[in-house]
Amino acid sequence: MSFVLLIQSNLNFVSVYSPCRSPQALEVLILTWHSSAELLSMLIAPGVSVCPHCVQLSAASLLHSVPSSFPWSSVTAKLINGGVAGLVGVTCVFPIDLAKTRLQNQHGKDIYKGMIDCLMKTVKVEGFLGMYRGAAVNLTLVTPEKAIKLAANDFFRQLLMEDGKQQNLKMEMIAGCGAGMCQVVVTCPMEMLKIQLQDAGRLAVHQGSASVPSSSRSYAIGSACEASTHKRPSATLIAWELLHTQGLPGLYKGLGATLLRDIPFSIIYFPLFANLNSLGFNELTGKASFAHSFLSGCVAGSIAAVTVTPLDVLKTRIQTLKKGLGEDSYSGITDCARKLWIQEGPSAFVRGAGCRALVIAPLFGIAQGVYFIGIGERILKCFE
């Protein structure tokens, strides 16, 4: 009995149908493909005749032609796409992210009245480049962070949705949870270092650099290198102090709060994006348009970002090592939440929500745009 293999490039699976197009049980899961020709070369055994629109082959031929090796080239392309998207996105929105961190870290006396006021005061006191404090560490680590997040979500979606269902909310949420758990390996130390650099300017305005005691300048707990207390903060210096005094756990302070923020974010973002993007599916091209993918990423990103803002505030407060005069330290997530509620009220939990939406929306819109264009696939083809 012969079957017709219908090429559906918009889906992450290939189904075998009978000539009357009634679904059969045989389904082959693959990660991705760059073109119909590449897909056919992967699945069709030698000697099978190829038609431009469909392929007549037996079920046995199909089974024997499925490659046993894992298609690492597709994973590499996803990693490149995630890295490029992260670099472009961070460069565009980093000043807003800096404003978000400083607004969330304000205790009691408000130095900044809002995002615009924060950025204007930052430029006035620290210069234009002051808005990019901490950008170097972010640009360095955002490539693996975004690549892991996006690639892990794709991997878990395809692993869990073997039945070929395009929209399975439960499985999509589990896949998002897996992606959020994987990314914190990079996210936690990256944001730990970034927050110290971003908040340094606020501390200087809050209490004056000259009035800061030498012992409070160290980012590590306990004794630190004396020379480091007179240097301008840098990611390398902070990382060295933390590793020297606390070991690797020092870089992962706030890991629980990071997981508490990133897992819900991924659970909300990825299923929401997938469903929004499917609304613009074009049967002729096999995918949604660039504009629709970009807008879907922006909308899903902003909604997820605002939803988890209270958790982001807790994470920022916990990971900030240097405190201004009269500012509290926190022993954990519960202690931080309790003190914020009692001392600053419910409004403290939504500080920086607008900034966070403005950061995440274009960041993930750009990410989905890069995936749409297929920059990673184009780069890999240059080396073939």
Protein backbone atom coordinates (compact mmCIF):
# COMPACT_ATOMS: atom_id res chain seq x y z
CA MET A 1 0.00 0.00 0.00
CA SER A 2 1.41 3.41 -0.94
CA PHE A 3 1.24 6.61 1.04
CA VAL A 4 1.49 10.27 0.23
CA LEU A 5 3.97 12.32 2.28
CA LEU A 6 2.65 15.87 2.60
CA ILE A 7 5.34 18.45 3.30
CA GLN A 8 4.12 20.83 6.02
CA SER A 9 7.06 23.16 6.64
CA ASN A 10 5.20 25.18 9.26
CA LEU A 11 4.92 22.19 11.59
CA ASN A 12 7.58 20.49 13.66
CA PHE A 13 6.52 17.01 12.59
CA VAL A 14 5.94 15.01 9.43
CA SER A 15 2.83 12.91 9.08
CA VAL A 16 2.19 10.08 6.65
CA TYR A 17 -1.21 10.12 5.03
CA SER A 18 -3.01 7.73 2.72
CA PRO A 19 -4.00 9.02 -0.74
CA CYS A 20 -7.40 9.95 0.66
CA ARG A 21 -5.58 12.06 3.27
CA SER A 22 -6.93 10.18 6.26
CA PRO A 23 -4.29 10.26 9.05
CA GLN A 24 -2.34 7.09 9.68
CA ALA A 25 -0.57 6.09 12.84
CA LEU A 26 2.95 6.60 11.52
CA GLU A 27 4.43 9.95 12.49
CA VAL A 28 8.07 10.94 12.44
CA LEU A 29 9.32 13.64 14.80
CA ILE A 30 12.12 15.90 13.57
CA LEU A 31 13.50 19.15 14.96
CA THR A 32 13.38 21.36 11.91
CA TRP A 33 14.28 21.60 8.27
CA HIS A 34 15.46 24.37 6.02
CA SER A 35 13.56 23.42 2.87
CA SER A 36 11.38 20.74 1.38
CA ALA A 37 14.37 19.43 -0.58
CA GLU A 38 16.43 19.02 2.59
CA LEU A 39 13.55 17.28 4.33
CA LEU A 40 13.14 14.85 1.46
CA SER A 41 16.86 14.07 1.43
CA MET A 42 16.62 13.25 5.13
CA LEU A 43 13.58 11.00 4.92
CA ILE A 44 13.53 9.33 1.51
CA ALA A 45 15.56 6.23 0.81
CA PRO A 46 17.74 6.12 -2.33
CA GLY A 47 15.88 5.14 -5.45
CA VAL A 48 12.51 6.61 -4.47
CA SER A 49 11.09 8.87 -7.16
CA VAL A 50 10.40 12.44 -6.07
CA CYS A 51 7.49 14.53 -7.26
CA PRO A 52 7.61 18.34 -6.69
CA HIS A 53 4.36 18.22 -4.74
CA CYS A 54 4.27 14.84 -3.07
CA VAL A 55 6.17 11.58 -2.73
CA GLN A 56 4.80 8.09 -3.31
CA LEU A 57 6.56 5.62 -1.02
CA SER A 58 5.83 2.64 1.13
CA ALA A 59 5.67 2.78 4.88
CA ALA A 60 8.67 0.43 5.04
CA SER A 61 10.76 2.76 2.88
CA LEU A 62 9.96 5.67 5.12
CA LEU A 63 10.82 3.77 8.28
CA HIS A 64 14.18 2.64 6.94
CA SER A 65 15.08 6.12 5.72
CA VAL A 66 14.65 8.03 8.99
CA PRO A 67 18.12 9.21 10.08
CA SER A 68 19.35 7.82 13.38
CA SER A 69 21.64 10.75 14.06
CA PHE A 70 20.40 13.84 15.91
CA PRO A 71 20.19 16.88 13.56
CA TRP A 72 22.68 19.03 15.43
CA SER A 73 22.82 21.61 12.61
CA SER A 74 19.28 22.71 13.43
CA VAL A 75 20.20 23.11 17.11
CA THR A 76 23.26 25.14 16.14
CA ALA A 77 21.07 27.40 14.01
CA LYS A 78 18.71 27.92 16.94
CA LEU A 79 21.64 28.82 19.21
CA ILE A 80 22.91 31.35 16.66
CA ASN A 81 19.43 32.84 16.27
CA GLY A 82 19.03 33.15 20.02
CA GLY A 83 22.45 34.76 20.37
CA VAL A 84 21.93 37.30 17.60
CA ALA A 85 18.47 38.17 18.93
CA GLY A 86 19.88 38.69 22.43
CA LEU A 87 22.71 40.94 21.27
CA VAL A 88 20.47 43.15 19.12
CA GLY A 89 17.72 43.32 21.72
CA VAL A 90 19.95 44.15 24.69
CA THR A 91 21.74 46.89 22.76
CA CYS A 92 18.40 48.54 21.99
CA VAL A 93 16.70 48.33 25.39
CA PHE A 94 19.50 48.24 27.98
CA PRO A 95 19.01 51.86 29.23
CA ILE A 96 15.38 51.03 30.04
CA ASP A 97 16.52 47.93 31.91
CA LEU A 98 18.92 50.08 33.94
CA ALA A 99 16.06 52.43 34.84
CA LYS A 100 13.98 49.43 35.90
CA THR A 101 16.69 48.16 38.26
CA ARG A 102 17.19 51.56 39.89
CA LEU A 103 13.46 52.17 40.31
CA GLN A 104 12.96 48.74 41.89
CA ASN A 105 15.83 49.31 44.34
CA GLN A 106 14.52 52.62 45.68
CA HIS A 107 13.82 52.36 49.40
CA GLY A 108 11.66 55.00 51.05
CA LYS A 109 13.08 58.24 49.59
CA ASP A 110 12.50 58.29 45.85
CA ILE A 111 15.50 59.60 43.95
CA TYR A 112 13.79 58.98 40.61
CA LYS A 113 10.18 59.86 39.83
CA GLY A 114 9.95 57.53 36.86
CA MET A 115 11.76 56.01 33.91
CA ILE A 116 12.32 59.28 32.00
CA ASP A 117 13.46 61.12 35.13
CA CYS A 118 15.84 58.26 35.95
CA LEU A 119 17.42 58.26 32.49
CA MET A 120 17.75 62.06 32.41
CA LYS A 121 19.45 62.16 35.83
CA THR A 122 21.70 59.28 34.83
CA VAL A 123 22.88 61.08 31.69
CA LYS A 124 23.37 64.33 33.62
CA VAL A 125 25.46 62.75 36.40
CA GLU A 126 27.17 59.83 34.66
CA GLY A 127 27.11 60.79 30.99
CA PHE A 128 25.52 58.98 28.07
CA LEU A 129 27.51 55.79 28.67
CA GLY A 130 26.20 55.74 32.23
CA MET A 131 22.97 54.34 30.82
CA TYR A 132 24.95 51.30 29.66
CA ARG A 133 26.53 50.39 32.99
CA GLY A 134 26.57 46.61 33.14
CA ALA A 135 25.92 46.25 29.42
CA ALA A 136 29.23 44.47 28.81
CA VAL A 137 28.42 41.53 31.07
CA ASN A 138 24.90 41.39 29.68
CA LEU A 139 26.08 41.39 26.07
CA THR A 140 28.62 38.70 26.90
CA LEU A 141 26.20 36.33 28.60
CA VAL A 142 22.92 37.14 26.85
CA THR A 143 23.96 35.03 23.84
CA PRO A 144 24.05 31.71 25.73
CA GLU A 145 21.14 32.81 27.94
CA LYS A 146 18.69 33.58 25.13
CA ALA A 147 19.97 30.71 23.02
CA ILE A 148 19.41 28.22 25.85
CA LYS A 149 15.95 29.64 26.60
CA LEU A 150 14.63 29.55 23.03
CA ALA A 151 16.34 26.33 21.98
CA ALA A 152 15.28 24.52 25.17
CA ASN A 153 11.66 25.51 24.62
CA ASP A 154 11.76 24.18 21.05
CA PHE A 155 13.39 20.97 22.24
CA PHE A 156 10.85 20.33 25.00
CA ARG A 157 7.90 21.20 22.75
CA GLN A 158 8.98 18.66 20.17
CA LEU A 159 9.86 16.07 22.82
CA LEU A 160 6.50 16.37 24.59
CA MET A 161 4.22 16.86 21.57
CA GLU A 162 5.04 13.67 19.71
CA ASP A 163 1.43 13.12 18.74
CA GLY A 164 1.70 16.07 16.34
CA LYS A 165 -0.81 18.31 18.06
CA GLN A 166 -0.18 21.91 17.17
CA GLN A 167 -1.87 23.43 20.18
CA ASN A 168 -1.69 21.54 23.44
CA LEU A 169 -1.70 24.13 26.21
CA LYS A 170 -0.64 21.73 28.94
CA MET A 171 2.38 20.47 26.99
CA GLU A 172 3.30 24.00 25.89
CA MET A 173 3.32 25.16 29.51
CA ILE A 174 5.48 22.20 30.58
CA ALA A 175 7.89 22.98 27.75
CA GLY A 176 8.04 26.61 28.88
CA CYS A 177 8.73 25.46 32.43
CA GLY A 178 11.64 23.37 31.20
CA ALA A 179 13.05 26.30 29.24
CA GLY A 180 12.85 28.57 32.29
CA MET A 181 14.67 26.03 34.45
CA CYS A 182 17.46 25.57 31.89
CA GLN A 183 18.19 29.25 31.34
CA VAL A 184 18.86 30.14 35.00
CA VAL A 185 22.25 28.45 34.76
CA VAL A 186 23.34 31.59 32.88
CA THR A 187 20.65 34.09 33.90
CA CYS A 188 21.34 34.06 37.65
CA PRO A 189 25.06 34.99 37.60
CA MET A 190 24.53 37.34 34.66
CA GLU A 191 21.87 39.36 36.46
CA MET A 192 23.76 39.15 39.75
CA LEU A 193 26.70 40.99 38.18
CA LYS A 194 24.58 43.31 36.03
CA ILE A 195 22.48 44.55 38.96
CA GLN A 196 25.55 45.58 40.98
CA LEU A 197 26.84 47.69 38.08
CA GLN A 198 23.46 49.18 37.24
CA ASP A 199 22.73 50.16 40.84
CA ALA A 200 26.14 51.75 41.52
CA GLY A 201 25.02 55.12 40.15
CA ARG A 202 21.89 55.15 42.31
CA LEU A 203 23.94 54.45 45.43
CA ALA A 204 26.32 57.29 44.60
CA VAL A 205 23.41 59.72 44.29
CA HIS A 206 21.70 58.29 47.37
CA GLN A 207 24.54 58.79 49.83
CA GLY A 208 27.52 60.31 47.99
CA SER A 209 30.58 58.34 46.99
CA ALA A 210 32.82 60.01 49.56
CA SER A 211 30.55 59.11 52.44
CA VAL A 212 30.54 55.40 51.71
CA PRO A 213 32.69 53.59 54.29
CA SER A 214 35.49 51.49 52.89
CA SER A 215 34.08 48.32 54.43
CA SER A 216 30.76 48.78 52.63
CA ARG A 217 32.29 49.14 49.20
CA SER A 218 33.19 45.48 48.93
CA TYR A 219 30.64 43.37 47.08
CA ALA A 220 31.66 40.28 48.98
CA ILE A 221 30.71 39.31 52.50
CA GLY A 222 33.73 39.29 54.77
CA SER A 223 37.23 40.53 54.01
CA ALA A 224 38.08 41.35 50.42
CA CYS A 225 41.01 42.68 48.49
CA GLU A 226 41.76 46.12 49.91
CA ALA A 227 42.76 47.55 46.55
CA SER A 228 39.35 46.65 45.13
CA THR A 229 37.61 49.10 47.41
CA HIS A 230 39.13 52.04 45.55
CA LYS A 231 38.40 50.84 42.03
CA ARG A 232 35.37 51.55 39.93
CA PRO A 233 33.08 48.50 40.05
CA SER A 234 33.51 46.03 37.20
CA ALA A 235 31.96 42.65 36.49
CA THR A 236 35.37 40.96 36.67
CA LEU A 237 36.16 42.55 40.05
CA ILE A 238 32.79 41.66 41.55
CA ALA A 239 32.92 38.08 40.23
CA TRP A 240 36.46 37.64 41.60
CA GLU A 241 35.47 38.92 45.05
CA LEU A 242 32.43 36.66 45.22
CA LEU A 243 34.33 33.59 44.05
CA HIS A 244 37.24 34.37 46.39
CA THR A 245 35.09 34.75 49.50
CA GLN A 246 31.99 32.61 48.86
CA GLY A 247 32.87 30.30 46.01
CA LEU A 248 30.49 29.52 43.17
CA PRO A 249 27.36 29.89 45.37
CA GLY A 250 28.21 33.59 45.66
CA LEU A 251 27.44 34.08 41.96
CA TYR A 252 24.17 32.19 42.36
CA LYS A 253 22.71 34.24 45.19
CA GLY A 254 19.01 34.69 44.49
CA LEU A 255 18.78 31.48 42.45
CA GLY A 256 15.45 30.60 44.04
CA ALA A 257 14.03 34.04 43.25
CA THR A 258 15.34 33.80 39.68
CA LEU A 259 13.63 30.43 39.20
CA LEU A 260 10.47 31.81 40.79
CA ARG A 261 10.45 34.60 38.18
CA ASP A 262 11.70 32.85 35.03
CA ILE A 263 9.64 29.66 35.20
CA PRO A 264 6.25 31.45 35.41
CA PHE A 265 7.43 33.89 32.73
CA SER A 266 8.26 31.05 30.33
CA ILE A 267 5.06 29.18 31.18
CA ILE A 268 3.07 32.28 30.19
CA TYR A 269 5.18 33.56 27.29
CA PHE A 270 5.80 30.54 25.08
CA PRO A 271 2.24 29.12 24.91
CA LEU A 272 0.83 32.64 24.50
CA PHE A 273 3.23 33.43 21.66
CA ALA A 274 2.56 30.10 19.93
CA ASN A 275 -1.20 30.67 20.01
CA LEU A 276 -0.99 34.33 18.96
CA ASN A 277 1.40 33.49 16.15
CA SER A 278 -0.86 30.70 14.88
CA LEU A 279 -3.62 33.27 14.31
CA GLY A 280 -1.57 34.75 11.48
CA PHE A 281 -0.70 31.43 9.83
CA ASN A 282 -0.56 31.67 6.04
CA GLU A 283 -1.21 28.41 4.19
CA LEU A 284 0.69 29.58 1.12
CA THR A 285 3.95 30.37 2.93
CA GLY A 286 3.51 27.78 5.67
CA LYS A 287 4.07 30.31 8.46
CA ALA A 288 2.94 33.65 9.84
CA SER A 289 4.28 36.89 8.36
CA PHE A 290 7.32 38.67 9.81
CA ALA A 291 5.18 41.51 11.16
CA HIS A 292 2.75 39.10 12.81
CA SER A 293 5.56 37.08 14.44
CA PHE A 294 7.20 40.27 15.69
CA LEU A 295 3.96 41.65 17.16
CA SER A 296 3.10 38.28 18.69
CA GLY A 297 6.47 38.24 20.44
CA CYS A 298 5.99 41.81 21.68
CA VAL A 299 2.47 41.21 23.02
CA ALA A 300 3.28 37.86 24.66
CA GLY A 301 6.51 39.27 26.13
CA SER A 302 4.89 42.36 27.62
CA ILE A 303 2.01 40.41 29.18
CA ALA A 304 4.35 37.82 30.70
CA ALA A 305 6.75 40.52 31.92
CA VAL A 306 4.10 42.57 33.70
CA THR A 307 2.57 39.45 35.25
CA VAL A 308 5.81 38.39 36.96
CA THR A 309 6.99 41.90 37.92
CA PRO A 310 6.41 41.33 41.69
CA LEU A 311 8.75 38.34 41.50
CA ASP A 312 11.28 40.40 39.55
CA VAL A 313 11.23 43.07 42.27
CA LEU A 314 11.98 40.42 44.92
CA LYS A 315 14.83 39.01 42.83
CA THR A 316 16.37 42.45 42.27
CA ARG A 317 16.23 43.36 45.96
CA ILE A 318 17.72 40.02 47.04
CA GLN A 319 20.55 40.11 44.48
CA THR A 320 21.57 43.71 45.28
CA LEU A 321 24.60 43.25 47.51
CA LYS A 322 25.45 46.86 48.40
CA LYS A 323 22.78 48.74 50.29
CA GLY A 324 22.39 52.47 50.83
CA LEU A 325 22.07 54.06 54.27
CA GLY A 326 18.89 52.86 55.97
CA GLU A 327 18.18 50.18 53.35
CA ASP A 328 17.27 46.66 54.47
CA SER A 329 19.01 43.41 53.75
CA TYR A 330 16.99 40.24 53.17
CA SER A 331 17.51 36.68 54.30
CA GLY A 332 15.32 35.16 51.62
CA ILE A 333 12.25 35.47 49.42
CA THR A 334 9.72 35.36 52.26
CA ASP A 335 11.65 37.88 54.36
CA CYS A 336 11.97 40.22 51.39
CA ALA A 337 8.26 40.02 50.52
CA ARG A 338 7.23 40.59 54.15
CA LYS A 339 9.43 43.66 54.60
CA LEU A 340 8.35 45.18 51.27
CA TRP A 341 4.67 44.74 52.15
CA ILE A 342 5.01 46.19 55.65
CA GLN A 343 7.45 49.05 54.97
CA GLU A 344 6.64 50.12 51.40
CA GLY A 345 3.17 48.78 50.69
CA PRO A 346 1.70 46.83 47.74
CA SER A 347 2.88 49.42 45.21
CA ALA A 348 6.49 48.36 45.81
CA PHE A 349 5.75 45.03 44.11
CA VAL A 350 4.90 46.67 40.78
CA ARG A 351 7.79 49.13 40.60
CA GLY A 352 9.38 49.10 37.18
CA ALA A 353 6.47 47.19 35.60
CA GLY A 354 6.24 49.66 32.72
CA CYS A 355 10.00 49.60 32.18
CA ARG A 356 10.01 45.82 32.27
CA ALA A 357 7.27 45.62 29.63
CA LEU A 358 9.19 48.08 27.44
CA VAL A 359 12.33 45.94 27.81
CA ILE A 360 10.84 42.49 27.29
CA ALA A 361 8.37 43.29 24.50
CA PRO A 362 10.93 44.39 21.87
CA LEU A 363 13.48 41.89 23.18
CA PHE A 364 11.27 38.92 22.37
CA GLY A 365 9.77 40.60 19.32
CA ILE A 366 13.29 40.89 17.91
CA ALA A 367 14.00 37.29 18.93
CA GLN A 368 11.03 35.95 17.02
CA GLY A 369 11.91 38.20 14.08
CA VAL A 370 15.42 36.74 13.96
CA TYR A 371 13.96 33.23 14.04
CA PHE A 372 11.58 34.19 11.21
CA ILE A 373 14.41 35.48 9.02
CA GLY A 374 16.55 32.43 9.85
CA ILE A 375 19.86 34.20 10.37
CA GLY A 376 21.38 31.09 11.97
CA GLU A 377 20.45 28.93 8.99
CA ARG A 378 21.90 31.49 6.58
CA ILE A 379 25.18 31.64 8.51
CA LEU A 380 25.49 27.85 8.57
CA LYS A 381 24.90 27.65 4.83
CA CYS A 382 27.91 29.91 4.28
CA PHE A 383 30.11 27.22 5.88
CA GLU A 384 28.67 24.31 3.93
